[in-house]
């Protein structure tokens, strides 16, 4: 099956902040903005050395943050 529709595939281990925001907004049905993700990065969310986001590491960080609020 050929899935090439002219768009490049997204790599969930290396997303730009803008791509991560778009993907998370579409997947969740909730607003997710670049500013929201940047605030998380400023608060200590992990980023790759090139400034991209690994969604697995980011999700783990969010879970830890939610757990520390209890």
C-alpha atoms as a PDB file:
ATOM      1  CA  UNK A   1       0.000   0.000   0.000  1.00  0.00           C
ATOM      2  CA  UNK A   2       1.427   3.346  -0.971  1.00  0.00           C
ATOM      3  CA  UNK A   3       0.737   6.088   1.584  1.00  0.00           C
ATOM      4  CA  UNK A   4       2.727   8.823  -0.132  1.00  0.00           C
ATOM      5  CA  UNK A   5       0.351  11.746  -0.530  1.00  0.00           C
ATOM      6  CA  UNK A   6       3.031  14.355  -1.088  1.00  0.00           C
ATOM      7  CA  UNK A   7       3.535  15.062   2.609  1.00  0.00           C
ATOM      8  CA  UNK A   8       6.604  14.081   4.545  1.00  0.00           C
ATOM      9  CA  UNK A   9       6.086  11.711   7.445  1.00  0.00           C
ATOM     10  CA  UNK A  10       6.358  13.125  10.951  1.00  0.00           C
ATOM     11  CA  UNK A  11       8.901  11.561  13.268  1.00  0.00           C
ATOM     12  CA  UNK A  12       7.392  11.391  16.792  1.00  0.00           C
ATOM     13  CA  UNK A  13      10.877  11.358  18.307  1.00  0.00           C
ATOM     14  CA  UNK A  14      11.900  14.602  16.625  1.00  0.00           C
ATOM     15  CA  UNK A  15       9.074  17.083  16.057  1.00  0.00           C
ATOM     16  CA  UNK A  16       9.393  20.820  15.797  1.00  0.00           C
ATOM     17  CA  UNK A  17       7.408  22.663  18.446  1.00  0.00           C
ATOM     18  CA  UNK A  18       4.947  23.814  15.772  1.00  0.00           C
ATOM     19  CA  UNK A  19       4.473  20.277  14.404  1.00  0.00           C
ATOM     20  CA  UNK A  20       4.057  18.887  17.925  1.00  0.00           C
ATOM     21  CA  UNK A  21       1.419  21.510  18.725  1.00  0.00           C
ATOM     22  CA  UNK A  22      -0.538  20.720  15.539  1.00  0.00           C
ATOM     23  CA  UNK A  23      -0.314  16.964  16.091  1.00  0.00           C
ATOM     24  CA  UNK A  24      -1.324  17.146  19.750  1.00  0.00           C
ATOM     25  CA  UNK A  25      -4.229  19.494  18.981  1.00  0.00           C
ATOM     26  CA  UNK A  26      -5.553  17.193  16.259  1.00  0.00           C
ATOM     27  CA  UNK A  27      -5.103  14.060  18.357  1.00  0.00           C
ATOM     28  CA  UNK A  28      -6.687  15.510  21.492  1.00  0.00           C
ATOM     29  CA  UNK A  29      -9.389  17.693  19.980  1.00  0.00           C
ATOM     30  CA  UNK A  30      -8.238  20.398  22.402  1.00  0.00           C
ATOM     31  CA  UNK A  31      -6.328  23.574  21.672  1.00  0.00           C
ATOM     32  CA  UNK A  32      -2.566  23.066  21.891  1.00  0.00           C
ATOM     33  CA  UNK A  33      -0.442  26.029  20.856  1.00  0.00           C
ATOM     34  CA  UNK A  34       3.230  26.649  20.292  1.00  0.00           C
ATOM     35  CA  UNK A  35       3.077  29.010  23.263  1.00  0.00           C
ATOM     36  CA  UNK A  36       1.706  26.250  25.508  1.00  0.00           C
ATOM     37  CA  UNK A  37       4.480  23.855  24.503  1.00  0.00           C
ATOM     38  CA  UNK A  38       7.121  26.567  24.854  1.00  0.00           C
ATOM     39  CA  UNK A  39       5.874  27.278  28.383  1.00  0.00           C
ATOM     40  CA  UNK A  40       6.296  23.582  29.202  1.00  0.00           C
ATOM     41  CA  UNK A  41       9.798  23.603  27.719  1.00  0.00           C
ATOM     42  CA  UNK A  42      10.641  26.684  29.785  1.00  0.00           C
ATOM     43  CA  UNK A  43       9.306  24.826  32.863  1.00  0.00           C
ATOM     44  CA  UNK A  44      11.656  21.897  32.257  1.00  0.00           C
ATOM     45  CA  UNK A  45       9.990  19.659  29.687  1.00  0.00           C
ATOM     46  CA  UNK A  46      12.631  17.683  27.814  1.00  0.00           C
ATOM     47  CA  UNK A  47      13.791  18.701  24.374  1.00  0.00           C
ATOM     48  CA  UNK A  48      16.251  17.152  21.985  1.00  0.00           C
ATOM     49  CA  UNK A  49      19.580  18.911  21.490  1.00  0.00           C
ATOM     50  CA  UNK A  50      18.280  20.512  18.299  1.00  0.00           C
ATOM     51  CA  UNK A  51      15.193  21.934  20.041  1.00  0.00           C
ATOM     52  CA  UNK A  52      12.775  19.335  18.704  1.00  0.00           C
ATOM     53  CA  UNK A  53      10.410  17.360  20.926  1.00  0.00           C
ATOM     54  CA  UNK A  54      10.299  13.606  21.460  1.00  0.00           C
ATOM     55  CA  UNK A  55       6.600  12.933  22.137  1.00  0.00           C
ATOM     56  CA  UNK A  56       7.334   9.887  24.317  1.00  0.00           C
ATOM     57  CA  UNK A  57       9.699  11.862  26.551  1.00  0.00           C
ATOM     58  CA  UNK A  58       7.300  14.805  26.623  1.00  0.00           C
ATOM     59  CA  UNK A  59       4.361  12.560  27.594  1.00  0.00           C
ATOM     60  CA  UNK A  60       6.442  10.980  30.381  1.00  0.00           C
ATOM     61  CA  UNK A  61       7.337  14.443  31.651  1.00  0.00           C
ATOM     62  CA  UNK A  62       3.652  15.464  31.648  1.00  0.00           C
ATOM     63  CA  UNK A  63       2.707  12.355  33.645  1.00  0.00           C
ATOM     64  CA  UNK A  64       5.441  13.100  36.194  1.00  0.00           C
ATOM     65  CA  UNK A  65       4.280  16.712  36.456  1.00  0.00           C
ATOM     66  CA  UNK A  66       0.676  15.639  36.985  1.00  0.00           C
ATOM     67  CA  UNK A  67       1.782  13.147  39.647  1.00  0.00           C
ATOM     68  CA  UNK A  68       3.795  15.758  41.516  1.00  0.00           C
ATOM     69  CA  UNK A  69       0.707  17.989  41.864  1.00  0.00           C
ATOM     70  CA  UNK A  70      -1.149  15.391  43.946  1.00  0.00           C
END
